[in-house]
Amino acid sequence: MASVFFSYSHADEQLRNELEVHLAMLKREGIIDTWHDRRIEAGENLDRSIDERINRDDIILLLVSSSFLDSAYCFDVELERAMARHEAGDAVVIPVILRPCDWTHAPFGKLLALPTDGRPVTRWPDRDEAYLDIVRGIRRVAERIGGGKVPPAPSPTVPATHAPVPSQTTGRPGPRYAGEGPRSSNLRLAKTFTQREKDQFMEEAFRYIALYFENSLAELGRRNAGFEGTFRSIDNSRFTASIYRNGDAVARCTVYEGGPFGGGIYYAQGENRGNNSYNESLSVGADDQMLFLRSLGMSHVGQGQAQKLTLEGGAELFWSLLIAPLQGRQ
């Protein structure tokens, strides 16, 4: 069994929780065991507990974000020790890029990062797909470390002792204290989100989509001769996007917040000054851990309400509707 250490900023605790949930199958199969500083119990020495784990765990996951890079403890203490062990061949360091940041110039910048191509988790249209990509990468490393063999299940009885218990695979000390004993890793509690939080998420999503369209239209014109994209903000809850080819309008849409049923973001083909027609819409969904966007599924581009879309995923869904006719897609 490969032991996995999470090095992360507490600002990214929700993302760390989501990743750990996706690692559940690896833990059930006995391929990995995970640890992070939230496992430290009252009365234990914080620094010593972290030092014990980062100095012996087989895989060290760097959960990278601007907050991680800004953390003196993460960057100057945990990262320095992790890279020293990686270079000595005593551990495998895997950068996991959570949020966009300037990570390529960091000491781990030359390491192959997850998800694929180092695309940040929050920039994937469907965050579950990002975590699945990460899990597959970790599985490959963990199975290589363990030789592809799953150790037998431990005995349910644990001797009461305060001496360190050697690991069955490495011979090094196992849990930080042997008296800790077995326990469940299923400690996640369901979160609830207020209507205010959902409304704020919707407002943030609309601003993000507006900026996404404005930047995409500008880049479209730079990359394609004869094409010009224009963005026009009508008010704080409505904008239009137009694409011209040699001066002739070839695609146009209106995106607005509110709409006939309220509480959503709506896409309408053409210039639409009312709130009673649309071709696709996004609403706020929630599970027991996070808020996300969910499409109504009226267009063939989306996959309906089964998706948990990030802000980028929702913006890309609408953008695909605008540009599809120019790419030969209807």
C-alpha atoms as a PDB file:
ATOM      1  CA  MET A   1       0.000   0.000   0.000  1.00  0.00           C
ATOM      2  CA  ALA A   2       1.346   3.426  -0.941  1.00  0.00           C
ATOM      3  CA  SER A   3       0.970   6.186   1.641  1.00  0.00           C
ATOM      4  CA  VAL A   4      -0.116   9.574   0.294  1.00  0.00           C
ATOM      5  CA  PHE A   5       0.572  12.967   1.900  1.00  0.00           C
ATOM      6  CA  PHE A   6      -1.438  16.082   0.995  1.00  0.00           C
ATOM      7  CA  SER A   7       0.534  19.326   0.991  1.00  0.00           C
ATOM      8  CA  TYR A   8      -1.984  22.145   0.550  1.00  0.00           C
ATOM      9  CA  SER A   9      -3.161  25.552   1.688  1.00  0.00           C
ATOM     10  CA  HIS A  10      -6.197  25.616   3.958  1.00  0.00           C
ATOM     11  CA  ALA A  11      -7.725  28.096   1.493  1.00  0.00           C
ATOM     12  CA  ASP A  12      -8.117  25.075  -0.812  1.00  0.00           C
ATOM     13  CA  GLU A  13      -9.600  22.728   1.767  1.00  0.00           C
ATOM     14  CA  GLN A  14     -12.853  22.242  -0.157  1.00  0.00           C
ATOM     15  CA  LEU A  15     -10.961  21.187  -3.282  1.00  0.00           C
ATOM     16  CA  ARG A  16      -8.818  18.843  -1.196  1.00  0.00           C
ATOM     17  CA  ASN A  17     -11.974  17.285   0.258  1.00  0.00           C
ATOM     18  CA  GLU A  18     -13.405  16.772  -3.228  1.00  0.00           C
ATOM     19  CA  LEU A  19     -10.204  15.087  -4.402  1.00  0.00           C
ATOM     20  CA  GLU A  20     -10.102  12.789  -1.397  1.00  0.00           C
ATOM     21  CA  VAL A  21     -13.664  11.651  -2.079  1.00  0.00           C
ATOM     22  CA  HIS A  22     -12.617  10.692  -5.615  1.00  0.00           C
ATOM     23  CA  LEU A  23      -9.735   8.645  -4.195  1.00  0.00           C
ATOM     24  CA  ALA A  24     -12.202   6.460  -2.292  1.00  0.00           C
ATOM     25  CA  MET A  25     -11.903   3.468  -4.621  1.00  0.00           C
ATOM     26  CA  LEU A  26      -8.120   3.423  -4.361  1.00  0.00           C
ATOM     27  CA  LYS A  27      -8.443   3.388  -0.579  1.00  0.00           C
ATOM     28  CA  ARG A  28     -11.089   0.658  -0.622  1.00  0.00           C
ATOM     29  CA  GLU A  29      -8.842  -1.484  -2.823  1.00  0.00           C
ATOM     30  CA  GLY A  30      -5.991  -1.084  -0.362  1.00  0.00           C
ATOM     31  CA  ILE A  31      -3.807   0.615  -2.975  1.00  0.00           C
ATOM     32  CA  ILE A  32      -3.309   3.871  -1.053  1.00  0.00           C
ATOM     33  CA  ASP A  33      -3.758   5.375   2.368  1.00  0.00           C
ATOM     34  CA  THR A  34      -4.073   9.166   2.653  1.00  0.00           C
ATOM     35  CA  TRP A  35      -3.059  11.681   5.312  1.00  0.00           C
ATOM     36  CA  HIS A  36      -3.300  15.426   5.782  1.00  0.00           C
ATOM     37  CA  ASP A  37      -2.997  17.786   8.719  1.00  0.00           C
ATOM     38  CA  ARG A  38      -6.713  17.658   9.550  1.00  0.00           C
ATOM     39  CA  ARG A  39      -6.004  14.159  10.881  1.00  0.00           C
ATOM     40  CA  ILE A  40      -3.940  15.661  13.710  1.00  0.00           C
ATOM     41  CA  GLU A  41      -5.796  15.311  16.979  1.00  0.00           C
ATOM     42  CA  ALA A  42      -6.034  17.693  19.921  1.00  0.00           C
ATOM     43  CA  GLY A  43      -2.911  17.669  22.047  1.00  0.00           C
ATOM     44  CA  GLU A  44      -0.598  16.398  19.315  1.00  0.00           C
ATOM     45  CA  ASN A  45       2.403  18.407  18.148  1.00  0.00           C
ATOM     46  CA  LEU A  46       1.473  19.924  14.783  1.00  0.00           C
ATOM     47  CA  ASP A  47       4.968  20.324  13.328  1.00  0.00           C
ATOM     48  CA  ARG A  48       6.183  16.934  14.526  1.00  0.00           C
ATOM     49  CA  SER A  49       3.141  15.137  13.141  1.00  0.00           C
ATOM     50  CA  ILE A  50       3.587  16.733   9.719  1.00  0.00           C
ATOM     51  CA  ASP A  51       7.338  16.074   9.731  1.00  0.00           C
ATOM     52  CA  GLU A  52       6.799  12.385  10.509  1.00  0.00           C
ATOM     53  CA  ARG A  53       4.469  11.937   7.561  1.00  0.00           C
ATOM     54  CA  ILE A  54       6.251  14.028   4.948  1.00  0.00           C
ATOM     55  CA  ASN A  55       9.506  12.250   5.801  1.00  0.00           C
ATOM     56  CA  ARG A  56       8.121   8.753   5.242  1.00  0.00           C
ATOM     57  CA  ASP A  57       5.057   8.792   2.959  1.00  0.00           C
ATOM     58  CA  ASP A  58       5.532   7.318  -0.503  1.00  0.00           C
ATOM     59  CA  ILE A  59       3.601   9.882  -2.573  1.00  0.00           C
ATOM     60  CA  ILE A  60       3.457  13.602  -1.834  1.00  0.00           C
ATOM     61  CA  LEU A  61       0.661  15.486  -3.568  1.00  0.00           C
ATOM     62  CA  LEU A  62       1.294  19.210  -3.949  1.00  0.00           C
ATOM     63  CA  LEU A  63      -2.152  20.800  -4.277  1.00  0.00           C
ATOM     64  CA  VAL A  64      -1.044  23.856  -6.201  1.00  0.00           C
ATOM     65  CA  SER A  65      -2.780  27.225  -6.266  1.00  0.00           C
ATOM     66  CA  SER A  66      -1.830  30.841  -5.704  1.00  0.00           C
ATOM     67  CA  SER A  67      -2.591  30.254  -2.014  1.00  0.00           C
ATOM     68  CA  PHE A  68      -0.180  27.293  -1.950  1.00  0.00           C
ATOM     69  CA  LEU A  69       2.568  29.367  -3.579  1.00  0.00           C
ATOM     70  CA  ASP A  70       1.901  32.202  -1.118  1.00  0.00           C
ATOM     71  CA  SER A  71       2.061  29.959   1.958  1.00  0.00           C
ATOM     72  CA  ALA A  72       5.455  30.166   3.647  1.00  0.00           C
ATOM     73  CA  TYR A  73       4.935  26.809   5.359  1.00  0.00           C
ATOM     74  CA  CYS A  74       3.834  24.997   2.204  1.00  0.00           C
ATOM     75  CA  PHE A  75       6.517  26.509  -0.016  1.00  0.00           C
ATOM     76  CA  ASP A  76       9.509  26.848   2.315  1.00  0.00           C
ATOM     77  CA  VAL A  77       9.015  23.843   4.594  1.00  0.00           C
ATOM     78  CA  GLU A  78       6.870  21.108   3.036  1.00  0.00           C
ATOM     79  CA  LEU A  79       7.926  21.716  -0.566  1.00  0.00           C
ATOM     80  CA  GLU A  80      11.630  21.846   0.256  1.00  0.00           C
ATOM     81  CA  ARG A  81      11.491  18.512   2.091  1.00  0.00           C
ATOM     82  CA  ALA A  82       9.271  16.932  -0.555  1.00  0.00           C
ATOM     83  CA  MET A  83      11.619  17.855  -3.417  1.00  0.00           C
ATOM     84  CA  ALA A  84      14.661  16.621  -1.483  1.00  0.00           C
ATOM     85  CA  ARG A  85      13.029  13.209  -1.031  1.00  0.00           C
ATOM     86  CA  HIS A  86      11.869  13.165  -4.661  1.00  0.00           C
ATOM     87  CA  GLU A  87      15.375  13.893  -5.966  1.00  0.00           C
ATOM     88  CA  ALA A  88      16.810  11.211  -3.669  1.00  0.00           C
ATOM     89  CA  GLY A  89      14.284   8.692  -5.018  1.00  0.00           C
ATOM     90  CA  ASP A  90      12.683   8.193  -1.605  1.00  0.00           C
ATOM     91  CA  ALA A  91       9.263   9.533  -2.612  1.00  0.00           C
ATOM     92  CA  VAL A  92       7.285  10.598  -5.668  1.00  0.00           C
ATOM     93  CA  VAL A  93       6.131  14.216  -5.798  1.00  0.00           C
ATOM     94  CA  ILE A  94       3.040  14.858  -7.929  1.00  0.00           C
ATOM     95  CA  PRO A  95       1.899  18.460  -8.485  1.00  0.00           C
ATOM     96  CA  VAL A  96      -1.893  18.657  -8.712  1.00  0.00           C
ATOM     97  CA  ILE A  97      -2.899  22.010 -10.189  1.00  0.00           C
ATOM     98  CA  LEU A  98      -6.074  23.181  -8.474  1.00  0.00           C
ATOM     99  CA  ARG A  99      -6.356  26.771  -9.646  1.00  0.00           C
ATOM    100  CA  PRO A 100      -4.622  28.884 -12.316  1.00  0.00           C
ATOM    101  CA  CYS A 101      -1.350  30.293 -11.006  1.00  0.00           C
ATOM    102  CA  ASP A 102       2.281  30.869 -12.031  1.00  0.00           C
ATOM    103  CA  TRP A 103       3.495  27.414 -10.982  1.00  0.00           C
ATOM    104  CA  THR A 104       5.778  26.484 -13.891  1.00  0.00           C
ATOM    105  CA  HIS A 105       8.673  28.512 -12.417  1.00  0.00           C
ATOM    106  CA  ALA A 106       8.428  26.810  -9.018  1.00  0.00           C
ATOM    107  CA  PRO A 107      10.958  24.110  -7.971  1.00  0.00           C
ATOM    108  CA  PHE A 108       8.455  21.442  -9.073  1.00  0.00           C
ATOM    109  CA  GLY A 109       7.737  23.199 -12.382  1.00  0.00           C
ATOM    110  CA  LYS A 110       9.520  20.554 -14.472  1.00  0.00           C
ATOM    111  CA  LEU A 111       7.598  17.651 -12.966  1.00  0.00           C
ATOM    112  CA  LEU A 112       4.689  16.139 -14.886  1.00  0.00           C
ATOM    113  CA  ALA A 113       1.592  17.599 -13.266  1.00  0.00           C
ATOM    114  CA  LEU A 114      -1.985  16.426 -12.970  1.00  0.00           C
ATOM    115  CA  PRO A 115      -4.607  16.818 -14.380  1.00  0.00           C
ATOM    116  CA  THR A 116      -3.372  16.167 -17.930  1.00  0.00           C
ATOM    117  CA  ASP A 117      -1.267  19.023 -19.354  1.00  0.00           C
ATOM    118  CA  GLY A 118      -1.422  20.790 -15.996  1.00  0.00           C
ATOM    119  CA  ARG A 119      -4.879  22.155 -16.726  1.00  0.00           C
ATOM    120  CA  PRO A 120      -6.214  23.475 -13.392  1.00  0.00           C
ATOM    121  CA  VAL A 121      -9.108  21.576 -11.833  1.00  0.00           C
ATOM    122  CA  THR A 122     -11.269  24.695 -11.696  1.00  0.00           C
ATOM    123  CA  ARG A 123     -10.831  25.281 -15.441  1.00  0.00           C
ATOM    124  CA  TRP A 124     -12.342  21.944 -16.501  1.00  0.00           C
ATOM    125  CA  PRO A 125     -15.923  22.176 -17.782  1.00  0.00           C
ATOM    126  CA  ASP A 126     -16.852  19.179 -15.601  1.00  0.00           C
ATOM    127  CA  ARG A 127     -14.864  19.063 -12.367  1.00  0.00           C
ATOM    128  CA  ASP A 128     -15.592  15.353 -11.839  1.00  0.00           C
ATOM    129  CA  GLU A 129     -13.706  14.609 -15.066  1.00  0.00           C
ATOM    130  CA  ALA A 130     -10.703  16.539 -13.758  1.00  0.00           C
ATOM    131  CA  TYR A 131     -10.656  14.500 -10.549  1.00  0.00           C
ATOM    132  CA  LEU A 132     -11.023  11.251 -12.489  1.00  0.00           C
ATOM    133  CA  ASP A 133      -7.990  12.215 -14.572  1.00  0.00           C
ATOM    134  CA  ILE A 134      -6.035  12.870 -11.357  1.00  0.00           C
ATOM    135  CA  VAL A 135      -7.134   9.587  -9.776  1.00  0.00           C
ATOM    136  CA  ARG A 136      -5.968   7.624 -12.820  1.00  0.00           C
ATOM    137  CA  GLY A 137      -2.547   9.275 -12.629  1.00  0.00           C
ATOM    138  CA  ILE A 138      -2.206   8.560  -8.917  1.00  0.00           C
ATOM    139  CA  ARG A 139      -3.336   4.965  -9.444  1.00  0.00           C
ATOM    140  CA  ARG A 140      -0.538   4.375 -11.949  1.00  0.00           C
ATOM    141  CA  VAL A 141       2.104   5.691  -9.567  1.00  0.00           C
ATOM    142  CA  ALA A 142       0.698   3.889  -6.527  1.00  0.00           C
ATOM    143  CA  GLU A 143       0.483   0.540  -8.327  1.00  0.00           C
ATOM    144  CA  ARG A 144       4.059   0.947  -9.519  1.00  0.00           C
ATOM    145  CA  ILE A 145       5.201   1.620  -5.957  1.00  0.00           C
ATOM    146  CA  GLY A 146       3.243  -1.335  -4.621  1.00  0.00           C
ATOM    147  CA  GLY A 147       4.197  -3.617  -7.492  1.00  0.00           C
ATOM    148  CA  GLY A 148       0.540  -3.875  -8.418  1.00  0.00           C
ATOM    149  CA  LYS A 149      -0.088  -6.051  -5.366  1.00  0.00           C
ATOM    150  CA  VAL A 150      -2.815  -5.296  -2.874  1.00  0.00           C
ATOM    151  CA  PRO A 151      -1.802  -6.194   0.698  1.00  0.00           C
ATOM    152  CA  PRO A 152      -4.104  -8.390   2.771  1.00  0.00           C
ATOM    153  CA  ALA A 153      -6.593  -6.664   5.033  1.00  0.00           C
ATOM    154  CA  PRO A 154      -5.161  -5.958   8.516  1.00  0.00           C
ATOM    155  CA  SER A 155      -6.391  -7.800  11.547  1.00  0.00           C
ATOM    156  CA  PRO A 156      -9.343  -6.098  13.210  1.00  0.00           C
ATOM    157  CA  THR A 157      -7.599  -6.286  16.564  1.00  0.00           C
ATOM    158  CA  VAL A 158      -4.861  -3.757  17.239  1.00  0.00           C
ATOM    159  CA  PRO A 159      -2.586  -4.169  20.234  1.00  0.00           C
ATOM    160  CA  ALA A 160      -2.715  -1.312  22.704  1.00  0.00           C
ATOM    161  CA  THR A 161       0.820  -0.005  22.673  1.00  0.00           C
ATOM    162  CA  HIS A 162       2.550   3.325  22.456  1.00  0.00           C
ATOM    163  CA  ALA A 163       5.491   2.054  20.418  1.00  0.00           C
ATOM    164  CA  PRO A 164       5.600   2.869  16.691  1.00  0.00           C
ATOM    165  CA  VAL A 165       4.133   0.114  14.541  1.00  0.00           C
ATOM    166  CA  PRO A 166       6.322  -0.702  11.505  1.00  0.00           C
ATOM    167  CA  SER A 167       4.725  -0.509   8.078  1.00  0.00           C
ATOM    168  CA  GLN A 168       4.239  -3.909   6.424  1.00  0.00           C
ATOM    169  CA  THR A 169       5.697  -2.613   3.147  1.00  0.00           C
ATOM    170  CA  THR A 170       8.498  -0.243   4.170  1.00  0.00           C
ATOM    171  CA  GLY A 171       9.417  -1.234   7.723  1.00  0.00           C
ATOM    172  CA  ARG A 172       9.206   2.434   8.664  1.00  0.00           C
ATOM    173  CA  PRO A 173       6.854   3.631  11.410  1.00  0.00           C
ATOM    174  CA  GLY A 174       3.207   3.445  10.394  1.00  0.00           C
ATOM    175  CA  PRO A 175       0.633   5.726  12.065  1.00  0.00           C
ATOM    176  CA  ARG A 176       2.100   8.734  13.861  1.00  0.00           C
ATOM    177  CA  TYR A 177       1.107   7.009  17.115  1.00  0.00           C
ATOM    178  CA  ALA A 178       0.313   3.318  17.306  1.00  0.00           C
ATOM    179  CA  GLY A 179      -2.392   4.000  19.885  1.00  0.00           C
ATOM    180  CA  GLU A 180      -4.314   5.893  17.207  1.00  0.00           C
ATOM    181  CA  GLY A 181      -5.864   2.605  16.070  1.00  0.00           C
ATOM    182  CA  PRO A 182      -8.044   1.944  13.045  1.00  0.00           C
ATOM    183  CA  ARG A 183     -10.727   4.395  12.063  1.00  0.00           C
ATOM    184  CA  SER A 184     -12.925   5.247   9.128  1.00  0.00           C
ATOM    185  CA  SER A 185     -11.804   7.692   6.461  1.00  0.00           C
ATOM    186  CA  ASN A 186     -15.477   8.425   5.809  1.00  0.00           C
ATOM    187  CA  LEU A 187     -15.600  11.586   7.907  1.00  0.00           C
ATOM    188  CA  ARG A 188     -17.026  14.035   5.402  1.00  0.00           C
ATOM    189  CA  LEU A 189     -20.177  15.857   6.499  1.00  0.00           C
ATOM    190  CA  ALA A 190     -22.775  17.255   4.148  1.00  0.00           C
ATOM    191  CA  LYS A 191     -22.763  21.008   3.567  1.00  0.00           C
ATOM    192  CA  THR A 192     -25.807  23.168   3.054  1.00  0.00           C
ATOM    193  CA  PHE A 193     -25.877  26.364   1.002  1.00  0.00           C
ATOM    194  CA  THR A 194     -28.062  29.379   1.696  1.00  0.00           C
ATOM    195  CA  GLN A 195     -30.087  31.117  -0.979  1.00  0.00           C
ATOM    196  CA  ARG A 196     -27.762  34.099  -0.593  1.00  0.00           C
ATOM    197  CA  GLU A 197     -24.752  31.905  -1.430  1.00  0.00           C
ATOM    198  CA  LYS A 198     -26.561  30.516  -4.472  1.00  0.00           C
ATOM    199  CA  ASP A 199     -27.491  34.025  -5.634  1.00  0.00           C
ATOM    200  CA  GLN A 200     -23.891  35.188  -5.230  1.00  0.00           C
ATOM    201  CA  PHE A 201     -22.688  32.194  -7.227  1.00  0.00           C
ATOM    202  CA  MET A 202     -25.142  33.056 -10.000  1.00  0.00           C
ATOM    203  CA  GLU A 203     -23.941  36.666 -10.080  1.00  0.00           C
ATOM    204  CA  GLU A 204     -20.325  35.502 -10.221  1.00  0.00           C
ATOM    205  CA  ALA A 205     -21.196  33.102 -13.048  1.00  0.00           C
ATOM    206  CA  PHE A 206     -22.810  35.855 -15.132  1.00  0.00           C
ATOM    207  CA  ARG A 207     -19.785  38.146 -14.720  1.00  0.00           C
ATOM    208  CA  TYR A 208     -17.473  35.273 -15.641  1.00  0.00           C
ATOM    209  CA  ILE A 209     -19.480  34.393 -18.772  1.00  0.00           C
ATOM    210  CA  ALA A 210     -19.519  38.045 -19.868  1.00  0.00           C
ATOM    211  CA  LEU A 211     -15.722  38.302 -19.514  1.00  0.00           C
ATOM    212  CA  TYR A 212     -15.287  34.923 -21.237  1.00  0.00           C
ATOM    213  CA  PHE A 213     -17.284  36.131 -24.259  1.00  0.00           C
ATOM    214  CA  GLU A 214     -15.527  39.491 -24.412  1.00  0.00           C
ATOM    215  CA  ASN A 215     -12.060  37.872 -24.412  1.00  0.00           C
ATOM    216  CA  SER A 216     -13.071  35.090 -26.820  1.00  0.00           C
ATOM    217  CA  LEU A 217     -14.529  37.534 -29.343  1.00  0.00           C
ATOM    218  CA  ALA A 218     -11.347  39.606 -29.285  1.00  0.00           C
ATOM    219  CA  GLU A 219      -9.137  36.533 -29.761  1.00  0.00           C
ATOM    220  CA  LEU A 220     -11.377  35.225 -32.555  1.00  0.00           C
ATOM    221  CA  GLY A 221     -10.711  38.366 -34.574  1.00  0.00           C
ATOM    222  CA  ARG A 222      -6.948  38.204 -33.957  1.00  0.00           C
ATOM    223  CA  ARG A 223      -6.711  34.597 -35.136  1.00  0.00           C
ATOM    224  CA  ASN A 224      -9.037  34.678 -38.142  1.00  0.00           C
ATOM    225  CA  ALA A 225      -8.533  37.156 -40.968  1.00  0.00           C
ATOM    226  CA  GLY A 226     -11.746  38.824 -42.137  1.00  0.00           C
ATOM    227  CA  PHE A 227     -13.601  38.093 -38.887  1.00  0.00           C
ATOM    228  CA  GLU A 228     -14.440  40.565 -36.172  1.00  0.00           C
ATOM    229  CA  GLY A 229     -16.148  39.961 -32.855  1.00  0.00           C
ATOM    230  CA  THR A 230     -17.940  42.650 -30.890  1.00  0.00           C
ATOM    231  CA  PHE A 231     -19.137  42.585 -27.301  1.00  0.00           C
ATOM    232  CA  ARG A 232     -21.734  45.037 -26.023  1.00  0.00           C
ATOM    233  CA  SER A 233     -22.785  45.268 -22.385  1.00  0.00           C
ATOM    234  CA  ILE A 234     -26.374  46.514 -22.220  1.00  0.00           C
ATOM    235  CA  ASP A 235     -26.598  46.592 -18.424  1.00  0.00           C
ATOM    236  CA  ASN A 236     -25.386  44.584 -15.431  1.00  0.00           C
ATOM    237  CA  SER A 237     -27.555  41.610 -16.372  1.00  0.00           C
ATOM    238  CA  ARG A 238     -27.473  41.522 -20.187  1.00  0.00           C
ATOM    239  CA  PHE A 239     -24.946  41.582 -23.023  1.00  0.00           C
ATOM    240  CA  THR A 240     -24.871  40.850 -26.732  1.00  0.00           C
ATOM    241  CA  ALA A 241     -22.139  39.154 -28.753  1.00  0.00           C
ATOM    242  CA  SER A 242     -21.786  39.452 -32.532  1.00  0.00           C
ATOM    243  CA  ILE A 243     -19.433  37.926 -35.080  1.00  0.00           C
ATOM    244  CA  TYR A 244     -18.885  39.612 -38.461  1.00  0.00           C
ATOM    245  CA  ARG A 245     -17.248  38.197 -41.569  1.00  0.00           C
ATOM    246  CA  ASN A 246     -16.039  40.891 -43.949  1.00  0.00           C
ATOM    247  CA  GLY A 247     -18.486  43.268 -42.297  1.00  0.00           C
ATOM    248  CA  ASP A 248     -21.546  41.015 -42.517  1.00  0.00           C
ATOM    249  CA  ALA A 249     -23.086  39.646 -39.315  1.00  0.00           C
ATOM    250  CA  VAL A 250     -22.859  35.847 -39.323  1.00  0.00           C
ATOM    251  CA  ALA A 251     -23.624  35.044 -35.676  1.00  0.00           C
ATOM    252  CA  ARG A 252     -25.259  36.956 -32.864  1.00  0.00           C
ATOM    253  CA  CYS A 253     -26.633  36.167 -29.414  1.00  0.00           C
ATOM    254  CA  THR A 254     -27.916  37.724 -26.241  1.00  0.00           C
ATOM    255  CA  VAL A 255     -27.073  36.437 -22.756  1.00  0.00           C
ATOM    256  CA  TYR A 256     -29.103  37.691 -19.838  1.00  0.00           C
ATOM    257  CA  GLU A 257     -29.717  36.970 -16.178  1.00  0.00           C
ATOM    258  CA  GLY A 258     -33.204  36.645 -14.716  1.00  0.00           C
ATOM    259  CA  GLY A 259     -35.424  35.469 -17.506  1.00  0.00           C
ATOM    260  CA  PRO A 260     -39.008  34.204 -17.555  1.00  0.00           C
ATOM    261  CA  PHE A 261     -38.510  31.922 -14.549  1.00  0.00           C
ATOM    262  CA  GLY A 262     -35.916  33.998 -12.702  1.00  0.00           C
ATOM    263  CA  GLY A 263     -32.806  32.661 -10.989  1.00  0.00           C
ATOM    264  CA  GLY A 264     -30.976  31.644 -14.159  1.00  0.00           C
ATOM    265  CA  ILE A 265     -28.705  32.719 -16.995  1.00  0.00           C
ATOM    266  CA  TYR A 266     -30.255  32.482 -20.448  1.00  0.00           C
ATOM    267  CA  TYR A 267     -28.850  32.260 -23.973  1.00  0.00           C
ATOM    268  CA  ALA A 268     -30.935  33.540 -26.888  1.00  0.00           C
ATOM    269  CA  GLN A 269     -29.947  33.584 -30.541  1.00  0.00           C
ATOM    270  CA  GLY A 270     -29.934  37.019 -32.132  1.00  0.00           C
ATOM    271  CA  GLU A 271     -30.521  40.315 -30.395  1.00  0.00           C
ATOM    272  CA  ASN A 272     -33.179  39.756 -27.775  1.00  0.00           C
ATOM    273  CA  ARG A 273     -34.416  42.658 -25.668  1.00  0.00           C
ATOM    274  CA  GLY A 274     -37.069  40.674 -23.826  1.00  0.00           C
ATOM    275  CA  ASN A 275     -36.903  38.020 -21.156  1.00  0.00           C
ATOM    276  CA  ASN A 276     -39.347  35.534 -22.608  1.00  0.00           C
ATOM    277  CA  SER A 277     -37.383  33.526 -25.186  1.00  0.00           C
ATOM    278  CA  TYR A 278     -34.156  31.545 -25.016  1.00  0.00           C
ATOM    279  CA  ASN A 279     -32.370  28.554 -26.550  1.00  0.00           C
ATOM    280  CA  GLU A 280     -30.492  27.340 -23.490  1.00  0.00           C
ATOM    281  CA  SER A 281     -30.190  28.220 -19.817  1.00  0.00           C
ATOM    282  CA  LEU A 282     -28.022  27.639 -16.782  1.00  0.00           C
ATOM    283  CA  SER A 283     -29.200  27.299 -13.195  1.00  0.00           C
ATOM    284  CA  VAL A 284     -27.359  26.831  -9.915  1.00  0.00           C
ATOM    285  CA  GLY A 285     -27.173  23.296  -8.575  1.00  0.00           C
ATOM    286  CA  ALA A 286     -25.744  22.006  -5.319  1.00  0.00           C
ATOM    287  CA  ASP A 287     -24.658  18.683  -3.903  1.00  0.00           C
ATOM    288  CA  ASP A 288     -23.488  18.034  -0.375  1.00  0.00           C
ATOM    289  CA  GLN A 289     -20.103  19.671  -1.020  1.00  0.00           C
ATOM    290  CA  MET A 290     -20.227  22.389  -3.669  1.00  0.00           C
ATOM    291  CA  LEU A 291     -22.227  24.687  -5.915  1.00  0.00           C
ATOM    292  CA  PHE A 292     -22.142  24.198  -9.678  1.00  0.00           C
ATOM    293  CA  LEU A 293     -23.945  25.175 -12.882  1.00  0.00           C
ATOM    294  CA  ARG A 294     -26.472  22.894 -14.544  1.00  0.00           C
ATOM    295  CA  SER A 295     -27.742  23.296 -18.098  1.00  0.00           C
ATOM    296  CA  LEU A 296     -31.379  22.842 -19.020  1.00  0.00           C
ATOM    297  CA  GLY A 297     -30.195  20.609 -21.866  1.00  0.00           C
ATOM    298  CA  MET A 298     -32.219  22.216 -24.659  1.00  0.00           C
ATOM    299  CA  SER A 299     -29.179  22.244 -26.985  1.00  0.00           C
ATOM    300  CA  HIS A 300     -27.362  19.220 -28.352  1.00  0.00           C
ATOM    301  CA  VAL A 301     -24.053  20.698 -27.139  1.00  0.00           C
ATOM    302  CA  GLY A 302     -24.734  20.069 -23.459  1.00  0.00           C
ATOM    303  CA  GLN A 303     -25.522  16.859 -21.711  1.00  0.00           C
ATOM    304  CA  GLY A 304     -28.391  18.151 -19.671  1.00  0.00           C
ATOM    305  CA  GLN A 305     -28.744  18.205 -15.941  1.00  0.00           C
ATOM    306  CA  ALA A 306     -26.418  15.269 -15.340  1.00  0.00           C
ATOM    307  CA  GLN A 307     -23.454  17.613 -15.648  1.00  0.00           C
ATOM    308  CA  LYS A 308     -21.917  19.611 -12.833  1.00  0.00           C
ATOM    309  CA  LEU A 309     -20.479  22.501 -14.786  1.00  0.00           C
ATOM    310  CA  THR A 310     -17.814  24.877 -13.536  1.00  0.00           C
ATOM    311  CA  LEU A 311     -17.978  28.557 -14.461  1.00  0.00           C
ATOM    312  CA  GLU A 312     -15.794  27.832 -17.475  1.00  0.00           C
ATOM    313  CA  GLY A 313     -17.969  24.867 -18.417  1.00  0.00           C
ATOM    314  CA  GLY A 314     -21.094  27.024 -18.438  1.00  0.00           C
ATOM    315  CA  ALA A 315     -19.376  29.784 -20.407  1.00  0.00           C
ATOM    316  CA  GLU A 316     -18.038  27.304 -22.973  1.00  0.00           C
ATOM    317  CA  LEU A 317     -21.505  25.776 -23.401  1.00  0.00           C
ATOM    318  CA  PHE A 318     -22.937  29.166 -24.394  1.00  0.00           C
ATOM    319  CA  TRP A 319     -19.920  30.052 -26.540  1.00  0.00           C
ATOM    320  CA  SER A 320     -20.261  26.743 -28.422  1.00  0.00           C
ATOM    321  CA  LEU A 321     -23.824  27.681 -29.343  1.00  0.00           C
ATOM    322  CA  LEU A 322     -22.662  30.973 -30.836  1.00  0.00           C
ATOM    323  CA  ILE A 323     -19.741  29.631 -32.841  1.00  0.00           C
ATOM    324  CA  ALA A 324     -21.186  26.266 -33.898  1.00  0.00           C
ATOM    325  CA  PRO A 325     -22.690  27.504 -37.224  1.00  0.00           C
ATOM    326  CA  LEU A 326     -19.297  28.925 -38.241  1.00  0.00           C
ATOM    327  CA  GLN A 327     -17.647  25.577 -37.590  1.00  0.00           C
ATOM    328  CA  GLY A 328     -20.152  23.600 -39.650  1.00  0.00           C
ATOM    329  CA  ARG A 329     -22.024  22.389 -36.563  1.00  0.00           C
ATOM    330  CA  GLN A 330     -25.742  22.952 -36.029  1.00  0.00           C
END
